Each structure stands twice: as structure tokens, then as C-alpha cells.
Amino acid sequence: MFVVVGLGNPGRNYEGTRHNVGFDTIDLLASRNNIKINKIKFKSVYGEGTIGNNKVILLKPQTYMNNSGMAVLDIYNFYKLPVDNIIVVLDDVDIEFATIRIRAKGSAGSHNGMKSIIYHLQSDNFPRVKIGIGKKHEGQDLADFVLSRFNRDERERIDLAIEKAALAVEAIIRDGTEKAMNQFNSKGKKAQE
């Protein structure tokens, strides 16, 4: 079984913001795989179904971004699954806009949601799919930037990146992280980045 965690903030105020591309990816995965996100538990809303031949849970923590690890720890403890069967989808300000990057493990960087997950799981040994949301303007507060919305041109490009992120998650589940990294990570860059 796999748990796919999309990071974001709950509530209408945050819909469509840069920080919520993880939630957007979960919604797309649910639609593509006929999974209803209609259950409440683990400090989250979630749905259960299959991707390929694998049982999956698509999870949207409702703890707000900075406490996402509490929700992930709840489901991890409940199902007692291997930590590397948790796949996290998140926004990233450090990779090129509207690109995705798969990593098998690693640090949180500046992402507070990922910091919370690593802290609560006491491990960074789980795959993640990062979606580039652009870089903040000089002098702009990072929190203000990640909570801002995309303009129309950016929205079209980010929607394509979200589609690619959903395909990447499906590839991780179907083929494993290494093969998915080889398929989706940009050529010419280090595979583990």
C-alpha cells in the first residue's frame, strides 16, 4: 500500500495558491483514478482506491502546512507501512517554474511542511515529487509569495506541471522511485537532486 500526501493549506482562502499545488495534484490523481476524497481521519481528508494494482490512499492534511507531519505520522502509525511507501507532493521555490523533480529522499530545504513531516517521522527516507512554483521577488516575504495566486499564464503552465506530477506519482507507484526519476527528472542533472 502507498500513501500519497499532497501538501497544502485547507480552506477556500488558500485554493489556487502556490503553496497548494500538492492538494491540486491529489485532486487530479483522484479524478484520474476514480478515487473519491470523502473520508475524514488522520487530521486529513482522504480517499482510498487503486493505482495500477496497488492500493493507495490519497491524503490532504487539514493541519495547515506547518503541522503536516502530525497527519502523516497518524496514518503512518495506523497502517504501519514502510516509510518509503509514503510519497509527498509539494511546492518548491528552488527549482525552475512549472518543472517537476522527483527525489528519493533528502532534506526539507526551506519547506516548513516537509520539515514537519521529517521531524514527526524521524526520517527523510521517502520519495517526494516537487513542483516548481517560481521564485519570489527580491525583498518579497517568502510566506507572502507562497500564499499568492498564479496569474493566468502561470496557471496554464502550472496546470501542466501538476499533470506531470500526477503522472510521476503513478510511475513511482507502478515502477519504483528510481525508474520514475530516470523518466521524469531533467536530463543532464544529477538523478538524486
N, C-alpha and C. Protein backbone atom coordinates (compact mmCIF):
# COMPACT_ATOMS: atom_id res chain seq x y z
N MET A 1 0.84 -1.19 0.00
CA MET A 1 0.00 0.00 0.00
C MET A 1 0.88 1.25 0.00
N PHE A 2 0.42 2.27 -0.71
CA PHE A 2 1.10 3.56 -0.74
C PHE A 2 0.18 4.64 -0.20
N VAL A 3 0.78 5.61 0.46
CA VAL A 3 0.05 6.81 0.87
C VAL A 3 0.67 7.97 0.11
N VAL A 4 -0.15 8.68 -0.65
CA VAL A 4 0.31 9.86 -1.39
C VAL A 4 -0.22 11.07 -0.64
N VAL A 5 0.70 11.89 -0.16
CA VAL A 5 0.36 13.06 0.65
C VAL A 5 0.58 14.31 -0.20
N GLY A 6 -0.48 15.05 -0.43
CA GLY A 6 -0.35 16.34 -1.11
C GLY A 6 -0.32 17.42 -0.06
N LEU A 7 0.69 18.28 -0.10
CA LEU A 7 0.78 19.34 0.91
C LEU A 7 0.03 20.58 0.45
N GLY A 8 -0.58 21.24 1.43
CA GLY A 8 -1.34 22.46 1.17
C GLY A 8 -1.97 22.95 2.45
N ASN A 9 -2.75 24.00 2.31
CA ASN A 9 -3.50 24.56 3.43
C ASN A 9 -4.98 24.40 3.16
N PRO A 10 -5.77 24.01 4.17
CA PRO A 10 -7.20 23.82 3.97
C PRO A 10 -7.94 25.16 3.91
N GLY A 11 -9.09 25.15 3.28
CA GLY A 11 -9.95 26.33 3.27
C GLY A 11 -9.93 27.06 1.94
N ARG A 12 -11.05 27.73 1.66
CA ARG A 12 -11.22 28.44 0.39
C ARG A 12 -10.19 29.55 0.19
N ASN A 13 -9.75 30.17 1.28
CA ASN A 13 -8.78 31.26 1.17
C ASN A 13 -7.49 30.82 0.49
N TYR A 14 -7.16 29.53 0.59
CA TYR A 14 -5.89 29.04 0.08
C TYR A 14 -6.00 28.31 -1.26
N GLU A 15 -7.23 28.10 -1.73
CA GLU A 15 -7.41 27.41 -3.02
C GLU A 15 -6.73 28.21 -4.12
N GLY A 16 -5.99 27.51 -4.96
CA GLY A 16 -5.34 28.16 -6.09
C GLY A 16 -4.04 28.86 -5.78
N THR A 17 -3.58 28.78 -4.52
CA THR A 17 -2.31 29.44 -4.18
C THR A 17 -1.14 28.54 -4.56
N ARG A 18 0.03 29.16 -4.62
CA ARG A 18 1.24 28.43 -4.99
C ARG A 18 1.52 27.29 -4.00
N HIS A 19 1.24 27.53 -2.73
CA HIS A 19 1.53 26.54 -1.69
C HIS A 19 0.62 25.32 -1.78
N ASN A 20 -0.46 25.40 -2.57
CA ASN A 20 -1.44 24.31 -2.60
C ASN A 20 -1.34 23.41 -3.83
N VAL A 21 -0.24 23.47 -4.56
CA VAL A 21 -0.13 22.59 -5.74
C VAL A 21 -0.12 21.11 -5.34
N GLY A 22 0.28 20.80 -4.12
CA GLY A 22 0.21 19.42 -3.64
C GLY A 22 -1.24 18.95 -3.54
N PHE A 23 -2.10 19.78 -2.97
CA PHE A 23 -3.54 19.47 -2.91
C PHE A 23 -4.10 19.31 -4.33
N ASP A 24 -3.70 20.23 -5.23
CA ASP A 24 -4.19 20.18 -6.61
C ASP A 24 -3.80 18.86 -7.28
N THR A 25 -2.60 18.37 -6.99
CA THR A 25 -2.14 17.11 -7.57
C THR A 25 -2.95 15.94 -7.03
N ILE A 26 -3.26 15.96 -5.74
CA ILE A 26 -4.11 14.91 -5.15
C ILE A 26 -5.48 14.91 -5.82
N ASP A 27 -6.05 16.08 -6.03
CA ASP A 27 -7.36 16.17 -6.69
C ASP A 27 -7.30 15.57 -8.10
N LEU A 28 -6.23 15.86 -8.83
CA LEU A 28 -6.08 15.32 -10.18
C LEU A 28 -5.89 13.80 -10.14
N LEU A 29 -5.05 13.31 -9.22
CA LEU A 29 -4.87 11.86 -9.08
C LEU A 29 -6.19 11.18 -8.75
N ALA A 30 -6.98 11.79 -7.89
CA ALA A 30 -8.29 11.23 -7.52
C ALA A 30 -9.18 11.14 -8.76
N SER A 31 -9.22 12.20 -9.53
CA SER A 31 -10.04 12.24 -10.74
C SER A 31 -9.57 11.20 -11.76
N ARG A 32 -8.27 11.13 -11.98
CA ARG A 32 -7.70 10.20 -12.98
C ARG A 32 -7.93 8.74 -12.60
N ASN A 33 -8.02 8.45 -11.31
CA ASN A 33 -8.09 7.06 -10.84
C ASN A 33 -9.41 6.72 -10.16
N ASN A 34 -10.42 7.55 -10.38
CA ASN A 34 -11.77 7.31 -9.82
C ASN A 34 -11.76 7.07 -8.32
N ILE A 35 -11.02 7.91 -7.61
CA ILE A 35 -10.96 7.82 -6.15
C ILE A 35 -11.68 9.04 -5.58
N LYS A 36 -12.60 8.80 -4.67
CA LYS A 36 -13.33 9.90 -4.04
C LYS A 36 -12.61 10.31 -2.76
N ILE A 37 -12.31 11.60 -2.65
CA ILE A 37 -11.71 12.15 -1.42
C ILE A 37 -12.89 12.53 -0.53
N ASN A 38 -13.35 11.56 0.27
CA ASN A 38 -14.59 11.78 1.02
C ASN A 38 -14.56 11.23 2.44
N LYS A 39 -13.37 10.94 2.95
CA LYS A 39 -13.26 10.42 4.31
C LYS A 39 -12.47 11.39 5.16
N ILE A 40 -12.77 11.39 6.45
CA ILE A 40 -12.08 12.28 7.39
C ILE A 40 -11.49 11.43 8.51
N LYS A 41 -10.19 11.48 8.64
CA LYS A 41 -9.45 10.78 9.70
C LYS A 41 -8.00 11.20 9.54
N PHE A 42 -7.19 10.90 10.50
CA PHE A 42 -5.75 11.20 10.44
C PHE A 42 -5.50 12.71 10.29
N LYS A 43 -6.37 13.54 10.87
CA LYS A 43 -6.25 15.00 10.73
C LYS A 43 -6.22 15.41 9.26
N SER A 44 -6.97 14.67 8.44
CA SER A 44 -6.91 14.83 6.98
C SER A 44 -8.25 14.52 6.35
N VAL A 45 -8.38 14.91 5.09
CA VAL A 45 -9.41 14.35 4.22
C VAL A 45 -8.66 13.42 3.27
N TYR A 46 -9.29 12.29 2.94
CA TYR A 46 -8.58 11.31 2.13
C TYR A 46 -9.55 10.43 1.36
N GLY A 47 -9.00 9.69 0.44
CA GLY A 47 -9.75 8.70 -0.31
C GLY A 47 -8.89 7.47 -0.52
N GLU A 48 -9.56 6.33 -0.67
CA GLU A 48 -8.88 5.06 -0.88
C GLU A 48 -9.25 4.50 -2.24
N GLY A 49 -8.29 3.86 -2.87
CA GLY A 49 -8.54 3.24 -4.17
C GLY A 49 -7.32 2.49 -4.63
N THR A 50 -7.20 2.35 -5.95
CA THR A 50 -6.04 1.68 -6.51
C THR A 50 -5.46 2.52 -7.64
N ILE A 51 -4.15 2.42 -7.77
CA ILE A 51 -3.44 2.95 -8.93
C ILE A 51 -2.64 1.77 -9.46
N GLY A 52 -2.93 1.39 -10.69
CA GLY A 52 -2.38 0.14 -11.21
C GLY A 52 -2.97 -0.99 -10.38
N ASN A 53 -2.12 -1.83 -9.85
CA ASN A 53 -2.59 -2.93 -9.00
C ASN A 53 -2.31 -2.66 -7.53
N ASN A 54 -1.97 -1.43 -7.19
CA ASN A 54 -1.57 -1.11 -5.82
C ASN A 54 -2.66 -0.33 -5.10
N LYS A 55 -2.92 -0.75 -3.86
CA LYS A 55 -3.84 0.00 -3.02
C LYS A 55 -3.17 1.33 -2.64
N VAL A 56 -3.92 2.41 -2.74
CA VAL A 56 -3.38 3.73 -2.39
C VAL A 56 -4.38 4.50 -1.54
N ILE A 57 -3.81 5.38 -0.73
CA ILE A 57 -4.59 6.39 -0.03
C ILE A 57 -4.07 7.74 -0.50
N LEU A 58 -4.98 8.59 -0.95
CA LEU A 58 -4.65 9.96 -1.34
C LEU A 58 -5.05 10.86 -0.18
N LEU A 59 -4.07 11.56 0.39
CA LEU A 59 -4.25 12.26 1.67
C LEU A 59 -3.99 13.76 1.53
N LYS A 60 -4.91 14.56 2.05
CA LYS A 60 -4.74 16.01 2.11
C LYS A 60 -4.82 16.43 3.59
N PRO A 61 -3.66 16.60 4.24
CA PRO A 61 -3.68 17.01 5.66
C PRO A 61 -4.46 18.31 5.85
N GLN A 62 -5.21 18.37 6.94
CA GLN A 62 -6.01 19.56 7.25
C GLN A 62 -5.43 20.32 8.44
N THR A 63 -4.17 20.11 8.70
CA THR A 63 -3.48 20.67 9.88
C THR A 63 -2.85 22.03 9.60
N TYR A 64 -2.97 22.52 8.39
CA TYR A 64 -2.19 23.65 7.87
C TYR A 64 -0.77 23.17 7.64
N MET A 65 -0.15 23.81 6.69
CA MET A 65 1.13 23.35 6.15
C MET A 65 2.17 23.02 7.22
N ASN A 66 2.37 23.94 8.16
CA ASN A 66 3.49 23.79 9.09
C ASN A 66 3.35 22.62 10.05
N ASN A 67 2.15 22.02 10.13
CA ASN A 67 1.93 20.87 11.00
C ASN A 67 1.58 19.60 10.22
N SER A 68 1.90 19.57 8.95
CA SER A 68 1.56 18.42 8.09
C SER A 68 2.08 17.10 8.64
N GLY A 69 3.21 17.13 9.32
CA GLY A 69 3.80 15.91 9.84
C GLY A 69 2.92 15.19 10.85
N MET A 70 2.08 15.94 11.57
CA MET A 70 1.18 15.30 12.55
C MET A 70 0.21 14.36 11.83
N ALA A 71 -0.33 14.80 10.70
CA ALA A 71 -1.26 13.97 9.93
C ALA A 71 -0.55 12.77 9.33
N VAL A 72 0.64 13.00 8.78
CA VAL A 72 1.40 11.91 8.16
C VAL A 72 1.79 10.87 9.21
N LEU A 73 2.19 11.32 10.40
CA LEU A 73 2.54 10.39 11.46
C LEU A 73 1.33 9.55 11.87
N ASP A 74 0.14 10.16 11.94
CA ASP A 74 -1.07 9.41 12.30
C ASP A 74 -1.32 8.25 11.34
N ILE A 75 -1.27 8.52 10.05
CA ILE A 75 -1.56 7.45 9.08
C ILE A 75 -0.42 6.44 9.03
N TYR A 76 0.80 6.90 9.19
CA TYR A 76 1.98 6.01 9.22
C TYR A 76 1.86 5.03 10.38
N ASN A 77 1.51 5.52 11.56
CA ASN A 77 1.36 4.65 12.73
C ASN A 77 0.16 3.72 12.60
N PHE A 78 -0.92 4.20 12.02
CA PHE A 78 -2.14 3.39 11.89
C PHE A 78 -1.90 2.19 10.97
N TYR A 79 -1.29 2.42 9.82
CA TYR A 79 -1.10 1.34 8.84
C TYR A 79 0.24 0.62 8.99
N LYS A 80 1.14 1.17 9.78
CA LYS A 80 2.46 0.56 9.99
C LYS A 80 3.14 0.23 8.66
N LEU A 81 3.07 1.17 7.74
CA LEU A 81 3.66 0.93 6.43
C LEU A 81 5.12 1.37 6.39
N PRO A 82 5.90 0.83 5.45
CA PRO A 82 7.28 1.30 5.32
C PRO A 82 7.31 2.79 4.98
N VAL A 83 8.25 3.51 5.56
CA VAL A 83 8.30 4.96 5.36
C VAL A 83 8.48 5.31 3.88
N ASP A 84 9.15 4.44 3.12
CA ASP A 84 9.35 4.76 1.71
C ASP A 84 8.13 4.44 0.84
N ASN A 85 7.02 4.01 1.46
CA ASN A 85 5.74 3.89 0.76
C ASN A 85 4.88 5.13 0.94
N ILE A 86 5.45 6.15 1.55
CA ILE A 86 4.80 7.46 1.64
C ILE A 86 5.42 8.33 0.55
N ILE A 87 4.58 8.88 -0.31
CA ILE A 87 5.03 9.77 -1.38
C ILE A 87 4.45 11.14 -1.10
N VAL A 88 5.31 12.15 -1.02
CA VAL A 88 4.86 13.51 -0.71
C VAL A 88 4.95 14.38 -1.96
N VAL A 89 3.88 15.11 -2.25
CA VAL A 89 3.85 16.05 -3.37
C VAL A 89 3.81 17.46 -2.79
N LEU A 90 4.75 18.31 -3.20
CA LEU A 90 4.87 19.63 -2.60
C LEU A 90 5.34 20.67 -3.59
N ASP A 91 5.15 21.92 -3.21
CA ASP A 91 5.65 23.06 -3.98
C ASP A 91 7.12 23.28 -3.65
N ASP A 92 7.85 23.88 -4.59
CA ASP A 92 9.27 24.16 -4.37
C ASP A 92 9.64 25.48 -5.04
N VAL A 93 10.26 26.37 -4.27
CA VAL A 93 10.68 27.67 -4.81
C VAL A 93 12.09 27.62 -5.39
N ASP A 94 12.78 26.51 -5.24
CA ASP A 94 14.18 26.43 -5.66
C ASP A 94 14.40 25.72 -6.99
N ILE A 95 13.36 25.17 -7.58
CA ILE A 95 13.52 24.58 -8.91
C ILE A 95 12.77 25.45 -9.92
N GLU A 96 13.10 25.27 -11.18
CA GLU A 96 12.54 26.11 -12.23
C GLU A 96 11.01 26.05 -12.24
N PHE A 97 10.39 27.18 -12.51
CA PHE A 97 8.93 27.28 -12.53
C PHE A 97 8.32 26.25 -13.48
N ALA A 98 7.26 25.60 -13.00
CA ALA A 98 6.45 24.65 -13.78
C ALA A 98 7.22 23.41 -14.22
N THR A 99 8.32 23.10 -13.52
CA THR A 99 9.00 21.83 -13.74
C THR A 99 8.76 20.96 -12.51
N ILE A 100 9.00 19.68 -12.67
CA ILE A 100 8.90 18.79 -11.50
C ILE A 100 10.24 18.11 -11.29
N ARG A 101 10.45 17.68 -10.06
CA ARG A 101 11.67 16.96 -9.71
C ARG A 101 11.29 15.89 -8.70
N ILE A 102 11.68 14.66 -8.98
CA ILE A 102 11.48 13.55 -8.04
C ILE A 102 12.77 13.36 -7.26
N ARG A 103 12.64 13.23 -5.95
CA ARG A 103 13.78 12.88 -5.11
C ARG A 103 13.40 11.65 -4.29
N ALA A 104 14.35 10.75 -4.10
CA ALA A 104 14.09 9.52 -3.34
C ALA A 104 14.11 9.78 -1.84
N LYS A 105 14.84 10.81 -1.43
CA LYS A 105 14.96 11.17 -0.01
C LYS A 105 15.67 12.51 0.05
N GLY A 106 15.87 13.02 1.25
CA GLY A 106 16.64 14.25 1.38
C GLY A 106 16.05 15.22 2.37
N SER A 107 16.71 16.35 2.48
CA SER A 107 16.33 17.35 3.48
C SER A 107 15.07 18.10 3.04
N ALA A 108 14.57 18.92 3.94
CA ALA A 108 13.36 19.69 3.68
C ALA A 108 13.64 20.99 2.95
N GLY A 109 14.89 21.43 2.93
CA GLY A 109 15.17 22.75 2.38
C GLY A 109 14.45 23.80 3.21
N SER A 110 13.80 24.74 2.54
CA SER A 110 13.11 25.82 3.25
C SER A 110 11.63 25.51 3.47
N HIS A 111 11.18 24.29 3.13
CA HIS A 111 9.75 23.97 3.15
C HIS A 111 9.30 23.51 4.53
N ASN A 112 8.48 24.31 5.19
CA ASN A 112 8.05 24.00 6.56
C ASN A 112 7.17 22.76 6.66
N GLY A 113 6.35 22.50 5.65
CA GLY A 113 5.54 21.28 5.66
C GLY A 113 6.42 20.04 5.63
N MET A 114 7.44 20.07 4.79
CA MET A 114 8.37 18.94 4.71
C MET A 114 9.19 18.83 5.99
N LYS A 115 9.58 19.96 6.57
CA LYS A 115 10.30 19.92 7.86
C LYS A 115 9.47 19.20 8.91
N SER A 116 8.17 19.49 8.94
CA SER A 116 7.27 18.87 9.91
C SER A 116 7.17 17.36 9.69
N ILE A 117 7.08 16.94 8.43
CA ILE A 117 6.99 15.51 8.14
C ILE A 117 8.27 14.79 8.56
N ILE A 118 9.41 15.34 8.20
CA ILE A 118 10.69 14.72 8.56
C ILE A 118 10.84 14.66 10.08
N TYR A 119 10.45 15.72 10.77
CA TYR A 119 10.53 15.76 12.23
C TYR A 119 9.65 14.67 12.85
N HIS A 120 8.40 14.57 12.41
CA HIS A 120 7.48 13.61 13.01
C HIS A 120 7.80 12.16 12.65
N LEU A 121 8.24 11.91 11.44
CA LEU A 121 8.59 10.54 11.04
C LEU A 121 9.99 10.15 11.51
N GLN A 122 10.79 11.15 11.89
CA GLN A 122 12.19 10.92 12.25
C GLN A 122 12.94 10.23 11.10
N SER A 123 12.57 10.61 9.89
CA SER A 123 13.21 10.04 8.70
C SER A 123 12.97 10.98 7.52
N ASP A 124 13.94 11.01 6.62
CA ASP A 124 13.75 11.73 5.35
C ASP A 124 13.83 10.75 4.18
N ASN A 125 13.69 9.47 4.50
CA ASN A 125 13.89 8.40 3.52
C ASN A 125 12.59 8.02 2.82
N PHE A 126 11.92 9.00 2.24
CA PHE A 126 10.68 8.74 1.50
C PHE A 126 10.70 9.61 0.24
N PRO A 127 10.10 9.10 -0.84
CA PRO A 127 10.12 9.87 -2.09
C PRO A 127 9.22 11.09 -2.04
N ARG A 128 9.61 12.08 -2.82
CA ARG A 128 8.78 13.27 -2.94
C ARG A 128 8.82 13.77 -4.38
N VAL A 129 7.72 14.37 -4.79
CA VAL A 129 7.61 14.99 -6.11
C VAL A 129 7.44 16.48 -5.86
N LYS A 130 8.42 17.25 -6.34
CA LYS A 130 8.43 18.69 -6.14
C LYS A 130 7.95 19.38 -7.41
N ILE A 131 7.15 20.42 -7.22
CA ILE A 131 6.64 21.22 -8.34
C ILE A 131 7.18 22.63 -8.19
N GLY A 132 7.91 23.11 -9.19
CA GLY A 132 8.47 24.46 -9.15
C GLY A 132 7.39 25.51 -9.28
N ILE A 133 7.29 26.38 -8.26
CA ILE A 133 6.23 27.40 -8.24
C ILE A 133 6.77 28.80 -8.53
N GLY A 134 8.04 28.90 -8.89
CA GLY A 134 8.64 30.20 -9.19
C GLY A 134 9.42 30.72 -8.01
N LYS A 135 10.11 31.80 -8.27
CA LYS A 135 10.94 32.43 -7.23
C LYS A 135 10.30 33.74 -6.80
N LYS A 136 10.42 34.05 -5.53
CA LYS A 136 9.88 35.30 -5.01
C LYS A 136 10.69 36.47 -5.54
N HIS A 137 10.07 37.63 -5.56
CA HIS A 137 10.76 38.85 -5.98
C HIS A 137 11.70 39.29 -4.87
N GLU A 138 12.77 39.96 -5.24
CA GLU A 138 13.71 40.47 -4.24
C GLU A 138 12.96 41.36 -3.25
N GLY A 139 13.19 41.10 -1.98
CA GLY A 139 12.54 41.87 -0.92
C GLY A 139 11.17 41.36 -0.53
N GLN A 140 10.60 40.43 -1.31
CA GLN A 140 9.28 39.88 -1.01
C GLN A 140 9.41 38.82 0.08
N ASP A 141 8.46 38.83 1.01
CA ASP A 141 8.41 37.83 2.07
C ASP A 141 8.06 36.47 1.46
N LEU A 142 8.79 35.42 1.86
CA LEU A 142 8.55 34.09 1.31
C LEU A 142 7.12 33.62 1.59
N ALA A 143 6.62 33.85 2.79
CA ALA A 143 5.25 33.43 3.13
C ALA A 143 4.23 34.12 2.24
N ASP A 144 4.42 35.42 2.01
CA ASP A 144 3.50 36.14 1.12
C ASP A 144 3.55 35.56 -0.29
N PHE A 145 4.75 35.21 -0.74
CA PHE A 145 4.89 34.67 -2.10
C PHE A 145 4.18 33.33 -2.24
N VAL A 146 4.45 32.38 -1.33
CA VAL A 146 3.87 31.04 -1.49
C VAL A 146 2.35 31.05 -1.30
N LEU A 147 1.83 32.06 -0.62
CA LEU A 147 0.38 32.16 -0.43
C LEU A 147 -0.29 33.00 -1.51
N SER A 148 0.49 33.45 -2.49
CA SER A 148 -0.08 34.23 -3.60
C SER A 148 -0.61 33.27 -4.67
N ARG A 149 -1.42 33.82 -5.56
CA ARG A 149 -2.01 33.04 -6.64
C ARG A 149 -1.21 33.23 -7.93
N PHE A 150 -1.38 32.30 -8.84
CA PHE A 150 -0.73 32.38 -10.14
C PHE A 150 -1.51 33.32 -11.05
N ASN A 151 -0.80 34.04 -11.93
CA ASN A 151 -1.52 34.80 -12.95
C ASN A 151 -1.99 33.81 -14.03
N ARG A 152 -2.74 34.28 -15.02
CA ARG A 152 -3.37 33.38 -15.99
C ARG A 152 -2.32 32.55 -16.75
N ASP A 153 -1.26 33.21 -17.23
CA ASP A 153 -0.21 32.50 -17.97
C ASP A 153 0.46 31.46 -17.07
N GLU A 154 0.79 31.86 -15.84
CA GLU A 154 1.41 30.93 -14.90
C GLU A 154 0.49 29.75 -14.61
N ARG A 155 -0.83 30.04 -14.47
CA ARG A 155 -1.79 28.98 -14.13
C ARG A 155 -1.81 27.90 -15.20
N GLU A 156 -1.80 28.32 -16.47
CA GLU A 156 -1.79 27.33 -17.55
C GLU A 156 -0.56 26.45 -17.47
N ARG A 157 0.59 27.06 -17.22
CA ARG A 157 1.85 26.31 -17.15
C ARG A 157 1.89 25.42 -15.91
N ILE A 158 1.39 25.92 -14.77
CA ILE A 158 1.44 25.12 -13.54
C ILE A 158 0.47 23.95 -13.63
N ASP A 159 -0.66 24.13 -14.33
CA ASP A 159 -1.59 23.02 -14.51
C ASP A 159 -0.94 21.87 -15.28
N LEU A 160 -0.10 22.22 -16.27
CA LEU A 160 0.64 21.18 -17.00
C LEU A 160 1.65 20.49 -16.08
N ALA A 161 2.29 21.26 -15.20
CA ALA A 161 3.24 20.68 -14.24
C ALA A 161 2.52 19.76 -13.25
N ILE A 162 1.32 20.15 -12.83
CA ILE A 162 0.53 19.31 -11.92
C ILE A 162 0.16 17.99 -12.61
N GLU A 163 -0.19 18.06 -13.90
CA GLU A 163 -0.46 16.83 -14.65
C GLU A 163 0.78 15.94 -14.69
N LYS A 164 1.93 16.55 -14.93
CA LYS A 164 3.18 15.78 -14.97
C LYS A 164 3.49 15.20 -13.59
N ALA A 165 3.22 15.95 -12.53
CA ALA A 165 3.44 15.45 -11.16
C ALA A 165 2.54 14.24 -10.88
N ALA A 166 1.29 14.29 -11.33
CA ALA A 166 0.38 13.16 -11.14
C ALA A 166 0.91 11.93 -11.88
N LEU A 167 1.38 12.12 -13.10
CA LEU A 167 1.98 11.01 -13.85
C LEU A 167 3.21 10.46 -13.13
N ALA A 168 4.00 11.35 -12.55
CA ALA A 168 5.21 10.93 -11.82
C ALA A 168 4.85 10.09 -10.60
N VAL A 169 3.81 10.50 -9.86
CA VAL A 169 3.36 9.72 -8.70
C VAL A 169 2.92 8.33 -9.16
N GLU A 170 2.13 8.28 -10.23
CA GLU A 170 1.68 6.99 -10.75
C GLU A 170 2.87 6.12 -11.16
N ALA A 171 3.90 6.73 -11.74
CA ALA A 171 5.10 5.99 -12.14
C ALA A 171 5.87 5.46 -10.93
N ILE A 172 5.96 6.26 -9.86
CA ILE A 172 6.62 5.80 -8.63
C ILE A 172 5.90 4.57 -8.09
N ILE A 173 4.58 4.63 -8.05
CA ILE A 173 3.78 3.52 -7.53
C ILE A 173 3.93 2.28 -8.43
N ARG A 174 3.87 2.49 -9.72
CA ARG A 174 3.90 1.38 -10.68
C ARG A 174 5.30 0.79 -10.88
N ASP A 175 6.32 1.67 -11.01
CA ASP A 175 7.64 1.23 -11.46
C ASP A 175 8.75 1.42 -10.43
N GLY A 176 8.48 2.12 -9.33
CA GLY A 176 9.51 2.41 -8.34
C GLY A 176 10.11 3.79 -8.54
N THR A 177 10.70 4.30 -7.48
CA THR A 177 11.22 5.67 -7.48
C THR A 177 12.35 5.86 -8.48
N GLU A 178 13.27 4.91 -8.53
CA GLU A 178 14.45 5.05 -9.40
C GLU A 178 14.05 5.19 -10.87
N LYS A 179 13.17 4.29 -11.33
CA LYS A 179 12.73 4.36 -12.73
C LYS A 179 11.96 5.66 -12.98
N ALA A 180 11.14 6.06 -12.03
CA ALA A 180 10.38 7.31 -12.20
C ALA A 180 11.32 8.51 -12.28
N MET A 181 12.36 8.51 -11.45
CA MET A 181 13.34 9.60 -11.50
C MET A 181 14.01 9.65 -12.87
N ASN A 182 14.38 8.49 -13.40
CA ASN A 182 15.02 8.45 -14.72
C ASN A 182 14.08 8.95 -15.81
N GLN A 183 12.79 8.69 -15.64
CA GLN A 183 11.81 9.10 -16.65
C GLN A 183 11.47 10.59 -16.56
N PHE A 184 11.34 11.13 -15.34
CA PHE A 184 10.79 12.47 -15.19
C PHE A 184 11.79 13.57 -14.86
N ASN A 185 12.90 13.23 -14.23
CA ASN A 185 13.86 14.28 -13.89
C ASN A 185 14.57 14.75 -15.14
N SER A 186 14.88 16.04 -15.19
CA SER A 186 15.51 16.64 -16.36
C SER A 186 16.82 15.94 -16.68
N LYS A 187 17.05 15.73 -17.95
CA LYS A 187 18.31 15.14 -18.39
C LYS A 187 19.44 16.13 -18.11
N GLY A 188 20.61 15.58 -17.82
CA GLY A 188 21.76 16.43 -17.59
C GLY A 188 21.90 16.91 -16.16
N LYS A 189 20.92 16.60 -15.31
CA LYS A 189 21.01 16.96 -13.89
C LYS A 189 21.28 15.69 -13.11
N LYS A 190 21.84 15.85 -11.94
CA LYS A 190 22.10 14.68 -11.10
C LYS A 190 20.77 14.02 -10.74
N ALA A 191 20.72 12.71 -10.86
CA ALA A 191 19.47 11.98 -10.63
C ALA A 191 18.96 12.13 -9.21
N GLN A 192 19.82 12.25 -8.23
CA GLN A 192 19.38 12.31 -6.84
C GLN A 192 18.94 13.71 -6.42
N GLU A 193 19.13 14.71 -7.25
CA GLU A 193 18.79 16.08 -6.86
C GLU A 193 17.32 16.27 -6.66
